[in-house]
Amino acid sequence: MLPVRAIALALLLAPLTASAQPAVTLQEALLRAKPAVALVVAEVGGEVSVQCAANAPPTKVTPPPSRDTGTGWFIAPSGWLVTNAHVIASTQRPSRSLVRERTAQAIREACGDTATGATARAALEPSLTVLLPNGMKLLATVVKYTLPVSGEEVSGQDLALLHLEASDMPTLQLGDSSALQIGDRIHIIGFPSVVLGHELLNATAKMEASITSGSVSGLRRDRANQPVIQTDASAAPGNSGGPALNEDGAVVGVLTFVAPGDDGERAAVQGFNFVIPATAVAKFLEGTPVPRGERGRFDAAWEAGLHHYFLGNPRRAHTYLVEANRLLPDLPDVRRVAADNDRRLAAEPWLPWRAIAVGMLVACALAYAALAVRRMQRNRFRIPPSAVAQLVDSPEPPVILDVRDAPTYAKSPVKIPHSLHAPLDGLRREDVPADLTRTVVAYCT
């Protein structure tokens, strides 16, 4: 019976083993993370009042707004977003160079390039918006930011916290940056300006975040003694504020870029970029209203859809992917995965024959195991004739009761030596010997 039970147990455990959740692959981890990364746009516009001559009437000019772009990521589904402080600094504290640039541009537009003695007064109107990967544009407000000291090339405090009027946003969770070692792989997600302005890409492709990968190449501190992580993962202007993820898709840091100087240039060198560790981000968030560890409905639907998609269960994945698209429509990654999942679903047979076959095997195994257990229970006190013969010849022979009915016993030529005939239908307690320590063997047909 043991082999039968072992086979039945193996068949029972087979579907459970097949459905056990495997380790998340890097591809799945990055796909989970990408919808939570958004483009941050800081603009400074407004009218400029220009007087081309001392007695001339003022002219109102509206130059194109000055624009800085960077990357941010949602840390809570209720619209809380983390980015670099220098990305949004122009909307909080416009630099003198920015004011001079706008007034000079307005004078050229109103008075011409040869104008002399012209004066201008700018009324700055900053605005801060966040563009989601599906193209949705949301206004943002700055809740907290710590701008690096002017002249610092890198800073472990270059962080800003924004809030949007939104709900069920995709989110990323902070990981443990203290466990990072030299050589550990990290992956940076962002919106480099070289991609945003590329003439060969359409508008939809430009709004998809890019991923670059590299390793931890140094664990350093800035001049303010704040920790920063050096990485050889490539980055470009526009990547600022992007999350740096470990292999499991948790945020271990935030990319920080060189803040622009008065000439508007950045002194970045590829292969030597710096990341603010997640421990510093967690400390920055202390005292803010950001809920920690909160997960939204989109996260649940998107992760479940990807889970079943990578397990090869298109039917189950379809339901979750549809729900994710309903909560946040037309995200490029959701749309792409859902389209591929629908192709797989269309190629599947109408009935899930594999599941049916496994179910039938399990049902048969259970039925056979139940019958085997029942038979074993019924036969647990039965002994073969050879064992009875050995007991009869032993020093303590058993009590043998022949419980066949009287007609069968009378007609049968088989009579067991030293047995007591006690028909089962009339068997009484006094028919059995009083010595209950002796083994009792009953014989019947």
Protein backbone atom coordinates (compact mmCIF):
# COMPACT_ATOMS: atom_id res chain seq x y z
CA MET A 1 0.00 0.00 0.00
CA LEU A 2 2.89 2.41 0.56
CA PRO A 3 3.73 2.84 -3.15
CA VAL A 4 0.08 3.62 -3.92
CA ARG A 5 -0.05 6.27 -1.20
CA ALA A 6 3.24 7.76 -2.36
CA ILE A 7 1.94 8.04 -5.93
CA ALA A 8 -1.29 9.61 -4.73
CA LEU A 9 0.61 12.13 -2.61
CA ALA A 10 2.85 13.04 -5.55
CA LEU A 11 -0.16 13.60 -7.78
CA LEU A 12 -1.77 15.79 -5.15
CA LEU A 13 1.32 17.93 -4.68
CA ALA A 14 2.07 18.28 -8.41
CA PRO A 15 -0.45 21.08 -9.13
CA LEU A 16 0.48 22.83 -5.88
CA THR A 17 4.15 22.78 -6.82
CA ALA A 18 3.38 24.03 -10.31
CA SER A 19 1.38 26.98 -8.96
CA ALA A 20 3.89 27.95 -6.27
CA GLN A 21 5.11 31.50 -6.84
CA PRO A 22 8.65 31.50 -8.26
CA ALA A 23 11.19 34.23 -7.68
CA VAL A 24 10.34 37.38 -9.62
CA THR A 25 12.55 37.74 -12.68
CA LEU A 26 14.36 40.98 -13.41
CA GLN A 27 12.14 41.60 -16.44
CA GLU A 28 8.99 41.24 -14.33
CA ALA A 29 10.43 43.43 -11.56
CA LEU A 30 11.25 46.24 -13.99
CA LEU A 31 7.86 46.00 -15.69
CA ARG A 32 6.21 46.30 -12.28
CA ALA A 33 8.23 49.44 -11.57
CA LYS A 34 7.98 51.41 -14.83
CA PRO A 35 4.38 52.71 -14.50
CA ALA A 36 5.31 54.39 -11.19
CA VAL A 37 7.92 56.63 -12.89
CA ALA A 38 6.75 59.98 -14.29
CA LEU A 39 8.16 63.01 -16.07
CA VAL A 40 8.48 66.17 -13.96
CA VAL A 41 8.29 69.49 -15.85
CA ALA A 42 9.21 72.76 -14.12
CA GLU A 43 8.34 75.85 -16.16
CA VAL A 44 8.86 79.54 -15.49
CA GLY A 45 6.84 81.83 -17.76
CA GLY A 46 4.99 85.09 -17.41
CA GLU A 47 4.82 88.51 -19.05
CA VAL A 48 7.73 90.91 -19.36
CA SER A 49 7.08 94.67 -19.49
CA VAL A 50 9.60 96.27 -21.90
CA GLN A 51 10.40 99.96 -22.49
CA CYS A 52 12.53 100.35 -25.60
CA ALA A 53 13.27 104.02 -24.76
CA ALA A 54 12.96 106.24 -21.73
CA ASN A 55 9.77 107.96 -22.90
CA ALA A 56 8.33 105.04 -24.88
CA PRO A 57 5.17 103.31 -23.63
CA PRO A 58 5.74 99.86 -22.10
CA THR A 59 5.19 96.81 -24.25
CA LYS A 60 3.96 93.52 -22.89
CA VAL A 61 5.94 90.54 -24.18
CA THR A 62 5.46 86.87 -23.28
CA PRO A 63 8.63 84.91 -24.16
CA PRO A 64 8.44 81.13 -24.35
CA PRO A 65 8.67 79.69 -20.84
CA SER A 66 11.93 78.36 -19.47
CA ARG A 67 11.62 74.62 -18.94
CA ASP A 68 13.51 72.06 -16.83
CA THR A 69 12.64 68.37 -16.98
CA GLY A 70 13.47 65.55 -14.64
CA THR A 71 12.16 62.25 -13.36
CA GLY A 72 10.02 61.44 -10.34
CA TRP A 73 8.43 58.32 -8.89
CA PHE A 74 5.36 57.71 -6.75
CA ILE A 75 6.01 56.47 -3.25
CA ALA A 76 2.32 56.37 -2.26
CA PRO A 77 -0.81 55.83 -4.40
CA SER A 78 -2.48 59.01 -3.09
CA GLY A 79 -0.27 61.19 -5.31
CA TRP A 80 3.01 61.51 -3.37
CA LEU A 81 6.03 61.76 -5.67
CA VAL A 82 9.79 61.98 -4.99
CA THR A 83 12.27 63.75 -7.29
CA ASN A 84 15.43 65.88 -7.12
CA ALA A 85 15.27 69.34 -5.60
CA HIS A 86 17.28 70.90 -8.40
CA VAL A 87 14.68 69.72 -10.94
CA ILE A 88 12.00 71.96 -9.42
CA ALA A 89 14.28 74.65 -7.96
CA SER A 90 13.44 77.20 -10.69
CA THR A 91 9.78 77.21 -9.61
CA GLN A 92 10.70 77.83 -5.98
CA ARG A 93 13.68 80.14 -6.20
CA PRO A 94 14.26 81.43 -9.75
CA SER A 95 17.91 82.26 -10.33
CA ARG A 96 19.11 85.69 -11.36
CA SER A 97 20.44 84.23 -14.58
CA LEU A 98 16.94 83.02 -15.43
CA VAL A 99 15.48 86.51 -14.87
CA ARG A 100 18.24 88.10 -17.01
CA GLU A 101 17.66 85.56 -19.76
CA ARG A 102 13.91 86.23 -19.92
CA THR A 103 14.27 90.01 -19.88
CA ALA A 104 16.98 89.93 -22.55
CA GLN A 105 14.82 87.70 -24.71
CA ALA A 106 11.83 90.04 -24.29
CA ILE A 107 13.92 93.13 -25.17
CA ARG A 108 15.19 91.46 -28.35
CA GLU A 109 11.65 90.51 -29.32
CA ALA A 110 10.16 93.95 -28.59
CA CYS A 111 12.99 96.31 -29.56
CA GLY A 112 15.26 94.33 -31.86
CA ASP A 113 18.81 93.16 -31.47
CA THR A 114 20.26 96.68 -31.79
CA ALA A 115 18.17 98.26 -29.04
CA THR A 116 20.14 100.24 -26.47
CA GLY A 117 18.90 101.77 -23.26
CA ALA A 118 15.87 99.49 -23.15
CA THR A 119 14.59 98.34 -19.76
CA ALA A 120 12.39 95.41 -18.80
CA ARG A 121 10.59 94.07 -15.76
CA ALA A 122 9.63 90.40 -15.59
CA ALA A 123 6.60 89.01 -13.75
CA LEU A 124 7.53 85.37 -13.30
CA GLU A 125 4.81 82.72 -13.26
CA PRO A 126 6.24 79.32 -12.27
CA SER A 127 4.31 76.12 -12.83
CA LEU A 128 5.04 72.53 -11.92
CA THR A 129 3.43 69.60 -13.72
CA VAL A 130 3.86 65.84 -13.77
CA LEU A 131 3.28 63.85 -16.96
CA LEU A 132 2.30 60.21 -16.53
CA PRO A 133 3.45 57.63 -19.10
CA ASN A 134 -0.03 57.65 -20.67
CA GLY A 135 0.27 61.38 -21.40
CA MET A 136 -1.97 62.55 -18.55
CA LYS A 137 -0.81 65.92 -17.19
CA LEU A 138 -1.31 66.75 -13.50
CA LEU A 139 -0.46 69.87 -11.52
CA ALA A 140 1.90 69.35 -8.59
CA THR A 141 2.71 71.28 -5.45
CA VAL A 142 5.98 71.18 -3.55
CA VAL A 143 5.60 69.90 0.00
CA LYS A 144 9.27 69.68 0.97
CA TYR A 145 12.62 70.12 -0.71
CA THR A 146 16.27 70.45 0.27
CA LEU A 147 18.30 72.18 -2.40
CA PRO A 148 22.03 71.39 -2.46
CA VAL A 149 24.45 74.14 -1.53
CA SER A 150 25.46 76.10 -4.63
CA GLY A 151 28.66 74.74 -6.14
CA GLU A 152 28.34 71.19 -4.88
CA GLU A 153 28.80 68.68 -7.65
CA VAL A 154 26.82 65.96 -5.87
CA SER A 155 24.66 66.03 -2.79
CA GLY A 156 23.00 63.47 -0.59
CA GLN A 157 20.25 66.00 0.18
CA ASP A 158 19.08 66.86 -3.34
CA LEU A 159 15.49 65.71 -2.73
CA ALA A 160 11.98 67.09 -3.20
CA LEU A 161 8.55 65.78 -2.28
CA LEU A 162 5.62 66.68 -4.54
CA HIS A 163 1.91 66.05 -4.13
CA LEU A 164 -0.69 65.60 -6.87
CA GLU A 165 -4.46 65.38 -6.61
CA ALA A 166 -4.62 61.73 -7.63
CA SER A 167 -5.44 58.27 -6.33
CA ASP A 168 -4.48 54.68 -7.12
CA MET A 169 -1.17 55.76 -8.62
CA PRO A 170 1.43 53.05 -9.29
CA THR A 171 4.01 53.04 -6.51
CA LEU A 172 7.53 51.91 -5.70
CA GLN A 173 8.70 50.75 -2.30
CA LEU A 174 11.93 51.77 -0.57
CA GLY A 175 14.49 48.99 -0.20
CA ASP A 176 17.52 48.58 2.05
CA SER A 177 20.40 50.59 0.61
CA SER A 178 22.62 49.78 3.59
CA ALA A 179 23.03 46.25 2.23
CA LEU A 180 24.54 47.45 -1.07
CA GLN A 181 28.08 46.31 -1.80
CA ILE A 182 30.59 47.18 -4.49
CA GLY A 183 29.61 45.36 -7.67
CA ASP A 184 25.90 44.98 -6.87
CA ARG A 185 23.70 45.54 -9.90
CA ILE A 186 21.34 48.52 -9.98
CA HIS A 187 18.91 49.77 -12.62
CA ILE A 188 17.96 53.42 -13.17
CA ILE A 189 14.62 54.45 -14.68
CA GLY A 190 14.12 57.93 -16.10
CA PHE A 191 13.32 60.29 -18.94
CA PRO A 192 16.63 61.43 -20.47
CA SER A 193 16.23 64.58 -22.52
CA VAL A 194 18.11 62.98 -25.42
CA VAL A 195 15.16 60.59 -25.81
CA LEU A 196 12.47 63.24 -25.19
CA GLY A 197 13.84 65.36 -28.01
CA HIS A 198 14.82 62.61 -30.44
CA GLU A 199 13.49 63.28 -33.91
CA LEU A 200 13.18 59.58 -34.82
CA LEU A 201 10.72 58.73 -32.03
CA ASN A 202 7.00 59.41 -31.97
CA ALA A 203 5.31 61.16 -29.05
CA THR A 204 4.12 57.93 -27.45
CA ALA A 205 7.59 56.38 -27.47
CA LYS A 206 9.11 59.51 -25.96
CA MET A 207 6.84 59.24 -22.93
CA GLU A 208 8.10 55.76 -22.09
CA ALA A 209 10.72 55.71 -19.37
CA SER A 210 14.17 54.40 -20.29
CA ILE A 211 16.14 51.91 -18.19
CA THR A 212 19.91 51.85 -17.85
CA SER A 213 21.82 49.30 -15.82
CA GLY A 214 25.13 49.25 -14.07
CA SER A 215 26.88 48.36 -10.85
CA VAL A 216 27.72 50.05 -7.59
CA SER A 217 31.24 51.37 -8.17
CA GLY A 218 31.72 53.32 -4.94
CA LEU A 219 30.21 54.19 -1.57
CA ARG A 220 31.11 57.80 -0.85
CA ARG A 221 30.14 60.92 1.08
CA ASP A 222 29.59 64.46 -0.16
CA ARG A 223 31.16 67.59 1.31
CA ALA A 224 28.31 67.80 3.82
CA ASN A 225 29.22 64.26 4.95
CA GLN A 226 26.00 62.88 3.43
CA PRO A 227 26.24 59.36 1.91
CA VAL A 228 26.08 58.97 -1.87
CA ILE A 229 26.43 55.87 -4.04
CA GLN A 230 28.63 55.99 -7.11
CA THR A 231 27.51 53.93 -10.11
CA ASP A 232 28.68 53.29 -13.63
CA ALA A 233 25.07 53.14 -14.90
CA SER A 234 24.75 55.74 -17.64
CA ALA A 235 22.54 58.77 -17.12
CA ALA A 236 21.77 62.03 -18.88
CA PRO A 237 20.00 65.31 -18.13
CA GLY A 238 16.38 64.42 -17.50
CA ASN A 239 17.27 61.29 -15.52
CA SER A 240 17.60 63.43 -12.39
CA GLY A 241 15.32 62.17 -9.63
CA GLY A 242 14.86 58.75 -11.22
CA PRO A 243 14.72 55.69 -8.96
CA ALA A 244 17.65 53.29 -8.76
CA LEU A 245 16.32 49.75 -8.30
CA ASN A 246 17.92 46.55 -7.10
CA GLU A 247 17.34 43.16 -8.74
CA ASP A 248 14.06 42.73 -6.83
CA GLY A 249 12.64 46.04 -8.05
CA ALA A 250 12.91 47.90 -4.72
CA VAL A 251 14.21 51.49 -4.66
CA VAL A 252 17.71 51.59 -3.22
CA GLY A 253 18.38 55.20 -4.19
CA VAL A 254 17.54 58.29 -6.25
CA LEU A 255 19.78 59.49 -9.04
CA THR A 256 21.17 62.96 -8.35
CA PHE A 257 22.66 65.05 -11.11
CA VAL A 258 24.95 68.03 -11.21
CA ALA A 259 22.87 71.14 -10.63
CA PRO A 260 23.02 73.59 -13.55
CA GLY A 261 25.35 76.53 -13.12
CA ASP A 262 24.93 80.07 -14.40
CA ASP A 263 25.88 79.01 -17.89
CA GLY A 264 23.16 76.35 -17.90
CA GLU A 265 25.60 73.53 -18.56
CA ARG A 266 26.11 70.35 -16.58
CA ALA A 267 29.45 68.83 -15.82
CA ALA A 268 28.36 65.20 -15.99
CA VAL A 269 30.73 62.41 -16.95
CA GLN A 270 29.21 59.12 -18.07
CA GLY A 271 30.14 56.14 -15.94
CA PHE A 272 30.56 58.29 -12.83
CA ASN A 273 27.05 59.13 -11.66
CA PHE A 274 25.77 59.38 -8.14
CA VAL A 275 22.73 58.04 -6.30
CA ILE A 276 21.19 59.26 -3.04
CA PRO A 277 20.71 56.11 -0.90
CA ALA A 278 17.25 54.97 0.17
CA THR A 279 18.16 55.46 3.82
CA ALA A 280 18.57 59.20 3.15
CA VAL A 281 15.22 59.24 1.30
CA ALA A 282 13.50 57.57 4.26
CA LYS A 283 15.00 60.15 6.61
CA PHE A 284 13.91 62.97 4.28
CA LEU A 285 10.32 61.68 4.40
CA GLU A 286 10.19 61.72 8.20
CA GLY A 287 7.67 64.24 9.48
CA THR A 288 5.80 64.40 6.16
CA PRO A 289 2.21 63.17 5.59
CA VAL A 290 3.40 60.44 3.21
CA PRO A 291 1.82 57.08 4.17
CA ARG A 292 4.46 54.38 4.26
CA GLY A 293 3.98 50.95 2.71
CA GLU A 294 0.61 51.83 1.18
CA ARG A 295 -0.41 49.90 -1.92
CA GLY A 296 -3.16 50.90 -4.33
CA ARG A 297 -5.60 48.94 -6.46
CA PHE A 298 -3.50 49.47 -9.58
CA ASP A 299 -0.46 47.90 -7.93
CA ALA A 300 -2.47 44.83 -6.93
CA ALA A 301 -4.01 44.37 -10.39
CA TRP A 302 -0.80 45.07 -12.35
CA GLU A 303 1.39 42.78 -10.24
CA ALA A 304 -1.17 39.96 -10.32
CA GLY A 305 -1.54 40.34 -14.08
CA LEU A 306 2.24 40.19 -14.60
CA HIS A 307 2.50 37.24 -12.23
CA HIS A 308 0.07 35.11 -14.23
CA TYR A 309 1.41 36.45 -17.54
CA PHE A 310 4.93 35.22 -16.76
CA LEU A 311 3.56 31.94 -15.36
CA GLY A 312 1.87 31.32 -18.71
CA ASN A 313 -1.73 31.68 -17.47
CA PRO A 314 -3.23 34.10 -20.02
CA ARG A 315 -6.83 33.51 -18.91
CA ARG A 316 -6.14 34.57 -15.33
CA ALA A 317 -3.78 37.34 -16.42
CA HIS A 318 -6.45 38.83 -18.71
CA THR A 319 -8.79 39.75 -15.84
CA TYR A 320 -6.10 41.56 -13.86
CA LEU A 321 -4.65 43.36 -16.89
CA VAL A 322 -8.09 44.64 -17.87
CA GLU A 323 -8.55 45.96 -14.33
CA ALA A 324 -5.13 47.67 -14.36
CA ASN A 325 -5.98 49.37 -17.67
CA ARG A 326 -9.34 50.49 -16.27
CA LEU A 327 -7.74 52.11 -13.24
CA LEU A 328 -5.04 53.92 -15.26
CA PRO A 329 -5.85 53.74 -18.97
CA ASP A 330 -3.39 53.50 -21.85
CA LEU A 331 -0.12 53.03 -20.00
CA PRO A 332 2.33 51.83 -22.68
CA ASP A 333 3.61 48.83 -20.72
CA VAL A 334 0.14 47.70 -19.65
CA ARG A 335 -1.12 48.04 -23.21
CA ARG A 336 1.84 46.09 -24.63
CA VAL A 337 1.64 43.24 -22.09
CA ALA A 338 -2.15 43.03 -22.46
CA ALA A 339 -1.89 42.82 -26.26
CA ASP A 340 0.66 40.01 -26.07
CA ASN A 341 -1.43 38.22 -23.44
CA ASP A 342 -4.49 38.44 -25.71
CA ARG A 343 -2.49 36.83 -28.53
CA ARG A 344 -1.55 33.97 -26.22
CA LEU A 345 -5.15 33.66 -25.09
CA ALA A 346 -6.41 33.47 -28.68
CA ALA A 347 -3.96 30.64 -29.40
CA GLU A 348 -5.12 28.60 -26.42
CA PRO A 349 -7.75 25.80 -26.89
CA TRP A 350 -11.31 26.59 -25.83
CA LEU A 351 -11.14 24.12 -22.94
CA PRO A 352 -8.13 23.97 -20.60
CA TRP A 353 -7.31 20.35 -21.38
CA ARG A 354 -4.14 20.33 -19.33
CA ALA A 355 -6.00 21.44 -16.22
CA ILE A 356 -8.78 18.95 -16.93
CA ALA A 357 -6.28 16.10 -17.32
CA VAL A 358 -4.50 17.00 -14.12
CA GLY A 359 -7.84 17.26 -12.31
CA MET A 360 -8.92 13.83 -13.55
CA LEU A 361 -5.62 12.29 -12.51
CA VAL A 362 -5.93 13.82 -9.07
CA ALA A 363 -9.55 12.67 -8.74
CA CYS A 364 -8.65 9.09 -9.79
CA ALA A 365 -5.71 9.06 -7.41
CA LEU A 366 -7.92 10.24 -4.56
CA ALA A 367 -10.59 7.62 -5.33
CA TYR A 368 -8.03 4.81 -5.55
CA ALA A 369 -6.37 5.98 -2.36
CA ALA A 370 -9.75 6.04 -0.58
CA LEU A 371 -10.55 2.50 -1.74
CA ALA A 372 -7.10 1.31 -0.69
CA VAL A 373 -7.46 2.87 2.75
CA ARG A 374 -10.93 1.37 3.17
CA ARG A 375 -9.67 -2.08 2.19
CA MET A 376 -6.72 -1.77 4.51
CA GLN A 377 -9.05 -0.80 7.35
CA ARG A 378 -11.31 -3.78 6.68
CA ASN A 379 -8.40 -6.24 6.46
CA ARG A 380 -6.30 -4.86 9.30
CA PHE A 381 -7.22 -7.85 11.59
CA ARG A 382 -7.12 -10.61 8.95
CA ILE A 383 -4.33 -13.20 9.00
CA PRO A 384 -3.49 -15.85 6.37
CA PRO A 385 -3.97 -19.63 7.04
CA SER A 386 -0.22 -20.17 7.31
CA ALA A 387 -0.11 -17.73 10.23
CA VAL A 388 -2.99 -19.59 11.90
CA ALA A 389 -1.10 -22.91 11.53
CA GLN A 390 1.95 -21.38 13.18
CA LEU A 391 -0.16 -20.06 16.04
CA VAL A 392 -1.78 -23.50 16.56
CA ASP A 393 1.64 -25.11 16.99
CA SER A 394 2.88 -22.36 19.31
CA PRO A 395 3.12 -22.82 23.13
CA GLU A 396 0.08 -20.55 23.53
CA PRO A 397 -2.36 -21.63 20.82
CA PRO A 398 -5.23 -19.26 19.99
CA VAL A 399 -8.91 -19.78 20.51
CA ILE A 400 -10.35 -20.66 17.11
CA LEU A 401 -14.02 -19.91 16.59
CA ASP A 402 -15.76 -21.39 13.55
CA VAL A 403 -18.58 -18.90 13.10
CA ARG A 404 -20.16 -20.47 10.01
CA ASP A 405 -23.89 -21.00 10.23
CA ALA A 406 -25.11 -24.53 11.15
CA PRO A 407 -26.21 -25.68 7.63
CA THR A 408 -22.91 -24.56 6.04
CA TYR A 409 -20.90 -26.14 8.86
CA ALA A 410 -22.80 -29.45 8.55
CA LYS A 411 -22.30 -29.69 4.78
CA SER A 412 -18.66 -28.57 4.75
CA PRO A 413 -15.95 -31.23 4.74
CA VAL A 414 -13.56 -28.69 6.28
CA LYS A 415 -13.37 -28.96 10.04
CA ILE A 416 -10.62 -26.97 11.80
CA PRO A 417 -8.95 -29.04 14.53
CA HIS A 418 -9.38 -27.73 18.10
CA SER A 419 -11.91 -25.18 16.97
CA LEU A 420 -15.19 -24.24 18.62
CA HIS A 421 -18.25 -24.03 16.43
CA ALA A 422 -20.18 -20.94 17.42
CA PRO A 423 -22.46 -19.62 14.65
CA LEU A 424 -22.14 -15.86 14.30
CA ASP A 425 -25.89 -15.20 14.45
CA GLY A 426 -26.11 -16.91 17.86
CA LEU A 427 -22.67 -16.09 19.25
CA ARG A 428 -22.75 -15.24 22.97
CA ARG A 429 -20.16 -13.94 25.39
CA GLU A 430 -20.06 -17.20 27.32
CA ASP A 431 -19.11 -19.11 24.13
CA VAL A 432 -15.71 -17.40 24.22
CA PRO A 433 -13.21 -18.75 26.79
CA ALA A 434 -12.79 -16.60 29.87
CA ASP A 435 -9.04 -16.17 29.35
CA LEU A 436 -9.01 -12.95 27.34
CA THR A 437 -5.24 -12.91 27.12
CA ARG A 438 -5.36 -15.61 24.45
CA THR A 439 -5.64 -14.65 20.79
CA VAL A 440 -9.07 -15.29 19.27
CA VAL A 441 -9.26 -16.24 15.61
CA ALA A 442 -12.65 -16.33 13.86
CA TYR A 443 -13.14 -18.38 10.72
CA CYS A 444 -15.95 -17.75 8.25
CA THR A 445 -16.60 -18.19 4.57
